[in-house]
């Protein structure tokens, strides 16, 4: 009988407010692998706490995944605790030590002696290679359970888990097949999406679950399908996805882990269109996101951050009188910025943002969260006003998302 899995996230920082994101990733991957996740536990970096939690987990679960405390310092105690609980000694794995030395040599750095600790693993454990960092993981079997120890850095942990995921599927998955599809939306609040999908959210059959997750980038709709035959599950999910797309229309921009900037990049390449960007309140975030896509040099000509009124006048040729009359946060100035960057860069499209990100600078007439985004193209310039509600970072993120969505809609002739 398969008893399922549980996750133990170790580290005192997790108990003092540091966000723990690894568990949500693992929970989703285990679910999609058909493995029942029974619990997630967060413990401090105290050997006794980790030991007690691990002993209890061994009594009730097939898979125990322990995240964190695998670093080079003396207080990174996961490997030592696991060895003690299992009655194993720690051994120096020479191949791991050589990999760590090579990691530092490739970066022209001398390996600190403390990093030798990372080459210690319990006797009988199998190494899980870390291709992006120095802390290796390992897995070890004990009676009817398997213990998997992974580092806490999300990028490292994720790639390492994915390398052993096929093995876990083969050994521990249930007969029920589960599949997940994420539909990404932009520009509609969760309450409005809920209204449009209300009957689907409350009246779906047991084989399909629909949920929503709201983020600063928009609302993601999760379709989880389950059943005995994969093709039947996928057919049901396709029907549900079509209904959702029909109801939400062009507010849907992507699926899975697609990014809005990635989708825009493909459209710009396909159409052979170039773009330049002038940013004020976003401080370069829009350009940063666009240039995060490999090959963006084929369509991104330049980006400028014109934060002060002086820079808007000198760099973008925005009339000083326009700023004096309407203020730097205004439709008129946003339009002048978009047209100015397009003119000086000689690109097909000029995109601009100006707004009040807070927490200071707002007024009754122009509150915090007021943002204008403009897009200049041959023959026409469009500008939209937004009233975002968030903190400074959130307003910048939302502005960048809506600016990219405005660009997406232009490119697909909306």
Protein backbone atom coordinates (compact mmCIF):
# COMPACT_ATOMS: atom_id res chain seq x y z
CA UNK A 1 0.00 0.00 0.00
CA UNK A 2 1.34 3.43 -1.01
CA UNK A 3 1.38 5.72 2.00
CA UNK A 4 2.13 8.98 0.20
CA UNK A 5 4.66 11.74 0.67
CA UNK A 6 5.46 14.61 2.96
CA UNK A 7 7.71 17.64 2.83
CA UNK A 8 9.91 19.02 5.61
CA UNK A 9 11.25 22.53 5.04
CA UNK A 10 14.11 23.26 7.45
CA UNK A 11 15.58 26.62 8.42
CA UNK A 12 15.14 29.11 11.22
CA UNK A 13 14.59 31.90 8.68
CA UNK A 14 11.37 30.21 7.57
CA UNK A 15 10.01 30.70 11.07
CA UNK A 16 10.82 34.40 11.09
CA UNK A 17 9.08 35.56 7.94
CA UNK A 18 11.20 34.37 4.99
CA UNK A 19 8.83 33.17 2.29
CA UNK A 20 8.93 29.43 1.64
CA UNK A 21 8.12 28.74 -2.03
CA UNK A 22 9.76 25.34 -2.52
CA UNK A 23 6.88 23.42 -0.95
CA UNK A 24 4.29 24.80 -3.36
CA UNK A 25 6.43 23.73 -6.32
CA UNK A 26 6.94 20.25 -4.89
CA UNK A 27 3.26 19.91 -3.98
CA UNK A 28 2.25 20.59 -7.57
CA UNK A 29 4.86 18.24 -9.03
CA UNK A 30 3.94 15.41 -6.66
CA UNK A 31 0.24 15.84 -7.41
CA UNK A 32 0.86 15.71 -11.15
CA UNK A 33 2.99 12.62 -10.63
CA UNK A 34 0.02 10.88 -9.00
CA UNK A 35 1.66 10.90 -5.56
CA UNK A 36 -0.49 11.81 -2.58
CA UNK A 37 1.04 14.60 -0.51
CA UNK A 38 0.00 14.18 3.12
CA UNK A 39 1.67 17.07 4.90
CA UNK A 40 4.10 19.99 4.76
CA UNK A 41 6.07 20.83 7.90
CA UNK A 42 8.33 23.82 8.57
CA UNK A 43 10.97 23.41 11.27
CA UNK A 44 13.84 25.53 12.54
CA UNK A 45 17.50 24.61 12.19
CA UNK A 46 17.51 22.72 15.48
CA UNK A 47 18.78 19.15 15.25
CA UNK A 48 16.26 17.80 17.75
CA UNK A 49 13.30 19.34 15.88
CA UNK A 50 14.44 18.04 12.49
CA UNK A 51 15.16 14.63 14.02
CA UNK A 52 11.75 14.28 15.67
CA UNK A 53 9.94 15.41 12.52
CA UNK A 54 11.89 12.96 10.37
CA UNK A 55 11.26 10.03 12.75
CA UNK A 56 7.51 10.69 12.69
CA UNK A 57 7.54 10.98 8.91
CA UNK A 58 9.28 7.63 8.53
CA UNK A 59 6.43 5.98 10.41
CA UNK A 60 3.75 7.15 7.99
CA UNK A 61 5.13 8.07 4.56
CA UNK A 62 6.89 6.45 1.62
CA UNK A 63 8.60 9.64 0.46
CA UNK A 64 10.11 12.25 2.75
CA UNK A 65 11.57 15.32 1.05
CA UNK A 66 13.72 17.51 3.29
CA UNK A 67 14.56 20.97 1.92
CA UNK A 68 17.34 23.22 3.18
CA UNK A 69 20.25 23.34 5.60
CA UNK A 70 22.72 21.67 3.21
CA UNK A 71 25.12 24.61 3.00
CA UNK A 72 28.80 24.76 3.98
CA UNK A 73 28.39 26.31 7.43
CA UNK A 74 28.32 24.49 10.75
CA UNK A 75 24.64 25.26 11.35
CA UNK A 76 23.60 23.52 8.10
CA UNK A 77 22.72 20.30 9.86
CA UNK A 78 20.37 18.32 7.63
CA UNK A 79 22.89 15.74 6.41
CA UNK A 80 24.15 15.11 9.94
CA UNK A 81 20.65 14.76 11.37
CA UNK A 82 19.51 12.32 8.67
CA UNK A 83 22.60 10.19 9.24
CA UNK A 84 21.98 10.07 13.01
CA UNK A 85 18.32 9.13 12.64
CA UNK A 86 19.18 6.31 10.25
CA UNK A 87 22.17 5.13 12.26
CA UNK A 88 24.57 5.85 9.40
CA UNK A 89 27.97 7.49 9.38
CA UNK A 90 28.80 10.42 7.13
CA UNK A 91 31.34 9.67 4.43
CA UNK A 92 33.32 12.01 2.18
CA UNK A 93 32.21 11.56 -1.42
CA UNK A 94 35.32 12.34 -3.44
CA UNK A 95 33.39 12.85 -6.70
CA UNK A 96 31.27 15.54 -5.02
CA UNK A 97 34.34 17.25 -3.62
CA UNK A 98 35.92 17.34 -7.08
CA UNK A 99 32.76 18.86 -8.56
CA UNK A 100 32.76 21.57 -5.89
CA UNK A 101 36.44 22.33 -6.52
CA UNK A 102 35.75 22.53 -10.26
CA UNK A 103 32.81 24.87 -9.62
CA UNK A 104 35.16 27.37 -7.91
CA UNK A 105 38.04 26.86 -10.38
CA UNK A 106 35.73 27.65 -13.32
CA UNK A 107 35.01 30.98 -11.63
CA UNK A 108 38.67 31.70 -10.83
CA UNK A 109 38.01 31.46 -7.12
CA UNK A 110 39.61 29.42 -4.37
CA UNK A 111 37.26 26.97 -2.67
CA UNK A 112 36.74 27.84 1.02
CA UNK A 113 37.56 24.89 3.28
CA UNK A 114 34.07 25.04 4.75
CA UNK A 115 32.65 23.79 1.44
CA UNK A 116 34.21 20.37 2.06
CA UNK A 117 31.26 19.74 4.39
CA UNK A 118 29.00 19.67 1.36
CA UNK A 119 30.77 16.53 0.14
CA UNK A 120 29.65 14.61 3.23
CA UNK A 121 26.69 12.27 2.71
CA UNK A 122 25.26 9.39 4.76
CA UNK A 123 26.76 5.99 3.95
CA UNK A 124 24.64 4.24 1.31
CA UNK A 125 23.10 7.46 -0.08
CA UNK A 126 22.96 8.27 -3.79
CA UNK A 127 24.06 11.69 -4.91
CA UNK A 128 21.65 14.08 -6.69
CA UNK A 129 23.89 16.31 -8.78
CA UNK A 130 23.57 20.08 -8.45
CA UNK A 131 24.32 21.64 -11.84
CA UNK A 132 23.78 25.25 -10.78
CA UNK A 133 25.37 25.44 -7.32
CA UNK A 134 27.71 23.70 -4.91
CA UNK A 135 25.37 21.93 -2.48
CA UNK A 136 24.56 18.43 -3.77
CA UNK A 137 21.45 16.58 -2.75
CA UNK A 138 21.12 12.93 -1.95
CA UNK A 139 18.54 10.23 -1.52
CA UNK A 140 18.69 7.24 0.76
CA UNK A 141 16.31 4.36 1.37
CA UNK A 142 15.31 3.22 4.85
CA UNK A 143 12.99 0.27 5.31
CA UNK A 144 9.92 1.09 3.20
CA UNK A 145 10.69 4.81 2.85
CA UNK A 146 12.94 6.97 0.73
CA UNK A 147 14.44 10.18 2.09
CA UNK A 148 15.34 12.92 -0.38
CA UNK A 149 17.48 15.82 0.79
CA UNK A 150 17.63 18.94 -1.40
CA UNK A 151 19.13 22.43 -0.98
CA UNK A 152 16.86 25.36 -0.18
CA UNK A 153 17.70 27.67 -3.08
CA UNK A 154 14.63 27.35 -5.36
CA UNK A 155 16.52 27.30 -8.67
CA UNK A 156 18.83 24.55 -7.49
CA UNK A 157 16.13 22.55 -5.72
CA UNK A 158 13.77 22.57 -8.70
CA UNK A 159 16.23 21.29 -11.29
CA UNK A 160 17.46 18.60 -8.90
CA UNK A 161 13.97 17.39 -8.07
CA UNK A 162 13.02 17.23 -11.75
CA UNK A 163 16.02 14.94 -12.33
CA UNK A 164 14.62 12.32 -9.93
CA UNK A 165 10.92 12.88 -10.63
CA UNK A 166 10.67 10.08 -13.25
CA UNK A 167 11.95 7.57 -10.70
CA UNK A 168 9.38 8.66 -8.14
CA UNK A 169 6.57 8.42 -10.71
CA UNK A 170 7.54 4.88 -11.65
CA UNK A 171 7.73 3.68 -8.06
CA UNK A 172 5.04 5.55 -6.19
CA UNK A 173 2.34 7.00 -8.42
CA UNK A 174 -1.25 5.87 -8.03
CA UNK A 175 -3.32 4.44 -10.88
CA UNK A 176 -5.25 7.69 -11.18
CA UNK A 177 -3.88 10.06 -13.82
CA UNK A 178 -3.73 13.77 -13.00
CA UNK A 179 -3.00 16.60 -15.39
CA UNK A 180 -2.82 20.37 -14.87
CA UNK A 181 -3.40 23.23 -17.31
CA UNK A 182 -2.86 26.86 -16.33
CA UNK A 183 -4.62 29.62 -18.28
CA UNK A 184 -3.13 33.08 -17.81
CA UNK A 185 -5.20 36.23 -17.98
CA UNK A 186 -4.48 39.95 -17.82
CA UNK A 187 -6.76 42.93 -17.26
CA UNK A 188 -9.68 41.30 -15.44
CA UNK A 189 -10.04 41.24 -11.67
CA UNK A 190 -10.63 37.92 -9.94
CA UNK A 191 -14.19 38.91 -8.96
CA UNK A 192 -15.12 39.57 -12.60
CA UNK A 193 -13.59 36.31 -13.76
CA UNK A 194 -15.44 34.53 -10.99
CA UNK A 195 -18.68 36.06 -12.23
CA UNK A 196 -18.05 34.93 -15.80
CA UNK A 197 -17.10 31.39 -14.74
CA UNK A 198 -19.41 31.06 -11.73
CA UNK A 199 -21.39 28.05 -12.95
CA UNK A 200 -18.22 26.23 -14.05
CA UNK A 201 -16.60 26.75 -10.66
CA UNK A 202 -19.53 25.25 -8.76
CA UNK A 203 -20.96 22.62 -11.10
CA UNK A 204 -18.00 20.74 -12.57
CA UNK A 205 -17.88 16.95 -12.19
CA UNK A 206 -15.45 15.16 -9.89
CA UNK A 207 -12.92 14.59 -12.66
CA UNK A 208 -12.32 18.33 -13.23
CA UNK A 209 -11.37 20.97 -10.66
CA UNK A 210 -11.11 24.66 -11.52
CA UNK A 211 -9.38 27.17 -9.26
CA UNK A 212 -8.06 30.71 -9.51
CA UNK A 213 -4.86 32.32 -8.23
CA UNK A 214 -4.57 36.10 -8.26
CA UNK A 215 -1.10 37.67 -8.66
CA UNK A 216 0.30 41.12 -9.45
CA UNK A 217 0.59 39.94 -13.07
CA UNK A 218 -3.05 38.88 -13.39
CA UNK A 219 -5.29 35.94 -12.56
CA UNK A 220 -4.25 32.37 -13.36
CA UNK A 221 -6.98 29.78 -13.83
CA UNK A 222 -5.98 26.23 -12.95
CA UNK A 223 -7.71 23.28 -14.57
CA UNK A 224 -6.94 20.00 -12.81
CA UNK A 225 -8.17 16.85 -14.53
CA UNK A 226 -8.11 13.34 -13.11
CA UNK A 227 -9.20 9.91 -14.26
CA UNK A 228 -8.09 6.43 -15.25
CA UNK A 229 -7.30 7.10 -18.93
CA UNK A 230 -5.07 9.96 -20.02
CA UNK A 231 -6.85 10.70 -23.32
CA UNK A 232 -10.19 10.96 -21.54
CA UNK A 233 -8.72 13.34 -18.98
CA UNK A 234 -7.14 15.51 -21.69
CA UNK A 235 -10.35 15.58 -23.74
CA UNK A 236 -12.34 16.80 -20.74
CA UNK A 237 -9.74 19.45 -19.99
CA UNK A 238 -9.74 20.69 -23.60
CA UNK A 239 -13.51 21.16 -23.49
CA UNK A 240 -13.26 23.12 -20.24
CA UNK A 241 -10.41 25.25 -21.57
CA UNK A 242 -12.43 26.12 -24.69
CA UNK A 243 -15.39 27.23 -22.54
CA UNK A 244 -13.11 29.41 -20.44
CA UNK A 245 -11.49 30.98 -23.50
CA UNK A 246 -14.89 31.62 -25.10
CA UNK A 247 -16.09 33.44 -21.99
CA UNK A 248 -12.94 35.44 -21.26
CA UNK A 249 -11.93 36.17 -24.85
CA UNK A 250 -8.86 38.32 -25.36
CA UNK A 251 -8.21 38.63 -21.63
CA UNK A 252 -6.50 35.23 -21.97
CA UNK A 253 -2.93 35.71 -23.16
CA UNK A 254 -1.16 32.42 -22.49
CA UNK A 255 -0.99 29.01 -20.89
CA UNK A 256 1.39 27.12 -18.64
CA UNK A 257 4.53 29.03 -17.77
CA UNK A 258 4.46 31.29 -20.84
CA UNK A 259 5.40 34.87 -20.06
CA UNK A 260 3.72 37.89 -21.60
CA UNK A 261 7.12 39.20 -22.70
CA UNK A 262 7.87 35.86 -24.37
CA UNK A 263 4.58 35.93 -26.29
CA UNK A 264 5.23 39.53 -27.36
CA UNK A 265 8.73 38.60 -28.49
CA UNK A 266 7.36 35.96 -30.84
CA UNK A 267 4.81 38.40 -32.28
CA UNK A 268 7.42 41.13 -32.82
CA UNK A 269 9.73 38.66 -34.57
CA UNK A 270 6.97 37.26 -36.75
CA UNK A 271 5.85 40.72 -37.87
CA UNK A 272 9.34 42.20 -38.15
CA UNK A 273 8.42 45.13 -35.91
CA UNK A 274 10.88 47.12 -33.79
CA UNK A 275 10.12 48.82 -30.48
CA UNK A 276 11.62 51.42 -28.16
CA UNK A 277 10.48 52.29 -24.65
CA UNK A 278 10.44 55.42 -22.48
CA UNK A 279 9.79 54.76 -18.79
CA UNK A 280 9.23 56.97 -15.80
CA UNK A 281 7.42 55.28 -12.89
CA UNK A 282 8.52 51.74 -13.90
CA UNK A 283 12.21 52.67 -13.79
CA UNK A 284 13.23 50.35 -16.63
CA UNK A 285 11.13 47.33 -15.60
CA UNK A 286 9.32 47.09 -18.96
CA UNK A 287 12.61 47.09 -20.87
CA UNK A 288 14.06 44.62 -18.38
CA UNK A 289 11.23 42.17 -18.99
CA UNK A 290 11.44 42.48 -22.77
CA UNK A 291 15.21 41.94 -22.78
CA UNK A 292 14.85 38.89 -20.52
CA UNK A 293 13.86 37.05 -23.69
CA UNK A 294 16.71 35.57 -25.70
CA UNK A 295 16.89 37.13 -29.17
CA UNK A 296 15.17 40.36 -28.11
CA UNK A 297 17.91 42.38 -29.84
CA UNK A 298 16.12 41.60 -33.12
CA UNK A 299 13.17 43.79 -32.16
CA UNK A 300 14.16 45.90 -29.11
CA UNK A 301 16.05 49.01 -30.20
CA UNK A 302 16.46 50.94 -26.96
CA UNK A 303 14.92 51.88 -23.64
CA UNK A 304 15.35 55.06 -21.64
CA UNK A 305 14.40 55.91 -18.07
CA UNK A 306 13.32 59.54 -17.99
CA UNK A 307 12.45 59.98 -14.34
CA UNK A 308 12.77 63.72 -13.92
CA UNK A 309 10.87 66.39 -15.83
CA UNK A 310 14.20 67.72 -17.07
CA UNK A 311 15.09 64.38 -18.67
CA UNK A 312 11.69 64.12 -20.34
CA UNK A 313 12.31 67.51 -21.97
CA UNK A 314 15.99 67.01 -22.86
CA UNK A 315 15.93 63.36 -23.95
CA UNK A 316 12.43 62.85 -25.34
CA UNK A 317 11.71 66.40 -26.47
CA UNK A 318 8.54 66.58 -24.37
CA UNK A 319 7.48 70.27 -24.39
CA UNK A 320 8.17 71.90 -21.02
CA UNK A 321 4.90 73.79 -21.32
CA UNK A 322 3.01 70.49 -21.63
CA UNK A 323 4.45 69.27 -18.33
CA UNK A 324 3.73 72.60 -16.66
CA UNK A 325 0.11 72.61 -17.85
CA UNK A 326 -0.83 68.96 -17.30
CA UNK A 327 1.84 67.60 -14.95
CA UNK A 328 4.34 64.82 -15.64
CA UNK A 329 1.72 62.20 -14.73
CA UNK A 330 -0.85 62.88 -17.42
CA UNK A 331 -2.24 61.50 -20.65
CA UNK A 332 -0.66 64.34 -22.62
CA UNK A 333 2.85 63.68 -21.29
CA UNK A 334 2.56 59.91 -21.72
CA UNK A 335 1.64 60.43 -25.37
CA UNK A 336 4.52 62.88 -25.89
CA UNK A 337 6.93 60.37 -24.30
CA UNK A 338 5.80 57.50 -26.55
CA UNK A 339 5.99 59.64 -29.66
CA UNK A 340 9.32 61.11 -28.60
CA UNK A 341 11.05 57.76 -28.07
CA UNK A 342 9.61 56.42 -31.32
CA UNK A 343 10.81 59.46 -33.23
CA UNK A 344 14.34 59.49 -31.82
CA UNK A 345 14.75 55.70 -32.14
CA UNK A 346 13.09 55.42 -35.56
CA UNK A 347 11.15 52.33 -34.53
CA UNK A 348 7.67 51.25 -35.58
CA UNK A 349 6.43 51.36 -31.99
CA UNK A 350 7.15 53.65 -29.05
CA UNK A 351 5.85 52.64 -25.61
CA UNK A 352 5.78 54.84 -22.51
CA UNK A 353 4.77 54.81 -18.85
CA UNK A 354 4.34 57.58 -16.30
CA UNK A 355 2.63 57.43 -12.93
CA UNK A 356 2.71 57.72 -9.15
CA UNK A 357 4.03 54.54 -7.52
CA UNK A 358 3.96 55.90 -3.96
CA UNK A 359 4.00 55.65 -1.05
CA UNK A 360 4.38 59.45 -1.30
CA UNK A 361 3.59 61.93 -4.03
CA UNK A 362 -0.15 61.40 -4.37
CA UNK A 363 -2.86 64.03 -4.14
CA UNK A 364 -6.64 64.23 -4.27
CA UNK A 365 -6.56 64.86 -8.00
CA UNK A 366 -3.75 62.44 -8.74
CA UNK A 367 -3.73 59.60 -6.19
CA UNK A 368 -1.07 56.97 -5.64
CA UNK A 369 -1.53 54.27 -8.26
CA UNK A 370 -2.53 56.67 -11.05
CA UNK A 371 -0.67 55.54 -14.19
CA UNK A 372 -0.76 56.44 -17.88
CA UNK A 373 0.54 54.08 -20.55
CA UNK A 374 0.84 55.17 -24.18
CA UNK A 375 1.69 53.34 -27.40
CA UNK A 376 2.75 55.29 -30.48
CA UNK A 377 2.59 53.61 -33.89
CA UNK A 378 2.46 54.83 -37.49
CA UNK A 379 -0.45 57.24 -37.78
CA UNK A 380 -1.94 56.82 -34.30
CA UNK A 381 -1.08 57.01 -30.58
CA UNK A 382 -3.25 55.40 -27.91
CA UNK A 383 -3.14 56.11 -24.19
CA UNK A 384 -4.89 54.46 -21.26
CA UNK A 385 -5.35 55.54 -17.67
CA UNK A 386 -5.11 53.05 -14.80
CA UNK A 387 -5.75 53.27 -11.06
CA UNK A 388 -3.70 50.51 -9.43
CA UNK A 389 -3.99 49.58 -5.76
CA UNK A 390 -0.83 48.06 -4.29
CA UNK A 391 2.51 49.00 -2.75
CA UNK A 392 5.27 50.66 -4.77
CA UNK A 393 6.68 47.43 -6.18
CA UNK A 394 3.22 46.08 -6.96
CA UNK A 395 2.25 49.21 -8.87
CA UNK A 396 5.43 48.98 -10.93
CA UNK A 397 4.76 45.33 -11.73
CA UNK A 398 1.13 45.97 -12.66
CA UNK A 399 2.15 48.91 -14.86
CA UNK A 400 4.69 46.80 -16.71
CA UNK A 401 2.14 44.02 -17.19
CA UNK A 402 -0.53 46.33 -18.60
CA UNK A 403 2.01 48.06 -20.83
CA UNK A 404 3.03 44.71 -22.28
CA UNK A 405 -0.61 43.73 -22.64
CA UNK A 406 -1.33 46.95 -24.54
CA UNK A 407 1.53 46.00 -26.86
CA UNK A 408 0.19 42.44 -27.23
CA UNK A 409 -3.26 43.71 -28.17
CA UNK A 410 -1.80 46.07 -30.75
CA UNK A 411 0.27 43.27 -32.30
CA UNK A 412 -2.73 40.97 -32.68
CA UNK A 413 -4.78 43.84 -34.11
CA UNK A 414 -7.12 44.23 -31.18
